[in-house]
Amino acid sequence: MDQKFVDAITNVRMVSGTIRIDLMNITGQTDDNKLQFSKTGEIILSPNAFAQALKTMQDVDAELKKRAKEAQSANGKKQPSKN
């Protein structure tokens, strides 16, 4: 099994009926403190695989928001929600 740590994704595009997503990692900082990235890989998905991945990420996002809201309630803190 291949595992890869990813700091960002970029350049999402369609090529010959597939969805391609570049995987990026932080490689340093410039003198003005801007992050530098380099491409470390690429994911190539069929449309069905992309739809499944998108649905999974939406489900995870909803669960993370639910847990954050529950944690705020448990701590008696109410902060504005971010979408």
C-alpha atoms as a PDB file:
ATOM      1  CA  MET A   1       0.000   0.000   0.000  1.00  0.00           C
ATOM      2  CA  ASP A   2       1.250   3.450  -0.933  1.00  0.00           C
ATOM      3  CA  GLN A   3       0.800   6.278   1.593  1.00  0.00           C
ATOM      4  CA  LYS A   4       1.585   9.896   0.808  1.00  0.00           C
ATOM      5  CA  PHE A   5       1.455  12.982   2.997  1.00  0.00           C
ATOM      6  CA  VAL A   6      -0.063  15.898   1.073  1.00  0.00           C
ATOM      7  CA  ASP A   7       0.003  19.574   2.095  1.00  0.00           C
ATOM      8  CA  ALA A   8      -2.176  20.785  -0.783  1.00  0.00           C
ATOM      9  CA  ILE A   9      -3.834  19.815  -4.038  1.00  0.00           C
ATOM     10  CA  THR A  10      -3.766  21.928  -7.167  1.00  0.00           C
ATOM     11  CA  ASN A  11      -4.327  21.874 -10.902  1.00  0.00           C
ATOM     12  CA  VAL A  12      -7.497  19.767 -10.884  1.00  0.00           C
ATOM     13  CA  ARG A  13      -8.325  19.060 -14.519  1.00  0.00           C
ATOM     14  CA  MET A  14      -9.983  16.670 -16.943  1.00  0.00           C
ATOM     15  CA  VAL A  15      -7.776  14.795 -19.390  1.00  0.00           C
ATOM     16  CA  SER A  16      -9.156  12.171 -21.761  1.00  0.00           C
ATOM     17  CA  GLY A  17     -12.172  11.455 -19.569  1.00  0.00           C
ATOM     18  CA  THR A  18     -10.199  11.225 -16.303  1.00  0.00           C
ATOM     19  CA  ILE A  19      -9.880  13.709 -13.443  1.00  0.00           C
ATOM     20  CA  ARG A  20      -6.278  14.514 -12.563  1.00  0.00           C
ATOM     21  CA  ILE A  21      -5.226  16.194  -9.326  1.00  0.00           C
ATOM     22  CA  ASP A  22      -1.662  17.299  -8.558  1.00  0.00           C
ATOM     23  CA  LEU A  23      -0.384  16.541  -5.044  1.00  0.00           C
ATOM     24  CA  MET A  24       1.824  19.169  -3.436  1.00  0.00           C
ATOM     25  CA  ASN A  25       4.180  19.335  -0.476  1.00  0.00           C
ATOM     26  CA  ILE A  26       5.668  22.352   1.269  1.00  0.00           C
ATOM     27  CA  THR A  27       9.375  22.491   0.465  1.00  0.00           C
ATOM     28  CA  GLY A  28      10.363  25.757   2.123  1.00  0.00           C
ATOM     29  CA  GLN A  29       9.679  29.446   2.505  1.00  0.00           C
ATOM     30  CA  THR A  30      10.698  32.515   0.584  1.00  0.00           C
ATOM     31  CA  ASP A  31      12.363  35.517   2.204  1.00  0.00           C
ATOM     32  CA  ASP A  32       8.941  37.184   2.502  1.00  0.00           C
ATOM     33  CA  ASN A  33       7.535  34.109   4.340  1.00  0.00           C
ATOM     34  CA  LYS A  34       5.494  32.716   1.454  1.00  0.00           C
ATOM     35  CA  LEU A  35       5.359  28.946   1.359  1.00  0.00           C
ATOM     36  CA  GLN A  36       7.066  27.135  -1.490  1.00  0.00           C
ATOM     37  CA  PHE A  37       5.460  23.992  -2.887  1.00  0.00           C
ATOM     38  CA  SER A  38       6.572  21.251  -5.207  1.00  0.00           C
ATOM     39  CA  LYS A  39       4.536  18.601  -6.993  1.00  0.00           C
ATOM     40  CA  THR A  40       5.131  15.194  -5.441  1.00  0.00           C
ATOM     41  CA  GLY A  41       2.524  13.128  -7.227  1.00  0.00           C
ATOM     42  CA  GLU A  42      -0.703  12.987  -9.134  1.00  0.00           C
ATOM     43  CA  ILE A  43      -4.017  11.223  -8.607  1.00  0.00           C
ATOM     44  CA  ILE A  44      -5.847  10.069 -11.724  1.00  0.00           C
ATOM     45  CA  LEU A  45      -9.503   9.178 -11.157  1.00  0.00           C
ATOM     46  CA  SER A  46     -12.320   7.909 -13.315  1.00  0.00           C
ATOM     47  CA  PRO A  47     -15.458  10.080 -13.097  1.00  0.00           C
ATOM     48  CA  ASN A  48     -17.085   7.444 -10.849  1.00  0.00           C
ATOM     49  CA  ALA A  49     -14.081   7.312  -8.525  1.00  0.00           C
ATOM     50  CA  PHE A  50     -14.012  11.123  -8.366  1.00  0.00           C
ATOM     51  CA  ALA A  51     -17.719  11.225  -7.459  1.00  0.00           C
ATOM     52  CA  GLN A  52     -17.140   8.620  -4.727  1.00  0.00           C
ATOM     53  CA  ALA A  53     -14.123  10.513  -3.348  1.00  0.00           C
ATOM     54  CA  LEU A  54     -16.068  13.781  -3.360  1.00  0.00           C
ATOM     55  CA  LYS A  55     -18.995  12.199  -1.477  1.00  0.00           C
ATOM     56  CA  THR A  56     -16.617  10.676   1.073  1.00  0.00           C
ATOM     57  CA  MET A  57     -14.885  14.026   1.659  1.00  0.00           C
ATOM     58  CA  GLN A  58     -18.242  15.790   2.023  1.00  0.00           C
ATOM     59  CA  ASP A  59     -19.270  13.195   4.628  1.00  0.00           C
ATOM     60  CA  VAL A  60     -15.997  13.646   6.517  1.00  0.00           C
ATOM     61  CA  ASP A  61     -16.377  17.453   6.369  1.00  0.00           C
ATOM     62  CA  ALA A  62     -19.897  17.193   7.825  1.00  0.00           C
ATOM     63  CA  GLU A  63     -18.668  14.897  10.614  1.00  0.00           C
ATOM     64  CA  LEU A  64     -15.778  17.236  11.488  1.00  0.00           C
ATOM     65  CA  LYS A  65     -18.164  20.209  11.673  1.00  0.00           C
ATOM     66  CA  LYS A  66     -20.549  18.185  13.865  1.00  0.00           C
ATOM     67  CA  ARG A  67     -17.740  17.217  16.247  1.00  0.00           C
ATOM     68  CA  ALA A  68     -16.449  20.797  16.432  1.00  0.00           C
ATOM     69  CA  LYS A  69     -19.949  22.040  17.260  1.00  0.00           C
ATOM     70  CA  GLU A  70     -20.348  19.352  19.933  1.00  0.00           C
ATOM     71  CA  ALA A  71     -16.962  20.223  21.430  1.00  0.00           C
ATOM     72  CA  GLN A  72     -17.892  23.911  21.560  1.00  0.00           C
ATOM     73  CA  SER A  73     -21.186  23.068  23.259  1.00  0.00           C
ATOM     74  CA  ALA A  74     -19.436  20.826  25.781  1.00  0.00           C
ATOM     75  CA  ASN A  75     -17.012  23.633  26.606  1.00  0.00           C
ATOM     76  CA  GLY A  76     -19.798  26.177  26.893  1.00  0.00           C
ATOM     77  CA  LYS A  77     -18.285  28.245  24.097  1.00  0.00           C
ATOM     78  CA  LYS A  78     -20.186  29.422  21.101  1.00  0.00           C
ATOM     79  CA  GLN A  79     -18.169  30.599  18.159  1.00  0.00           C
ATOM     80  CA  PRO A  80     -19.502  31.576  14.757  1.00  0.00           C
ATOM     81  CA  SER A  81     -19.541  28.622  12.413  1.00  0.00           C
ATOM     82  CA  LYS A  82     -17.434  28.687   9.271  1.00  0.00           C
ATOM     83  CA  ASN A  83     -18.546  27.057   6.034  1.00  0.00           C
END
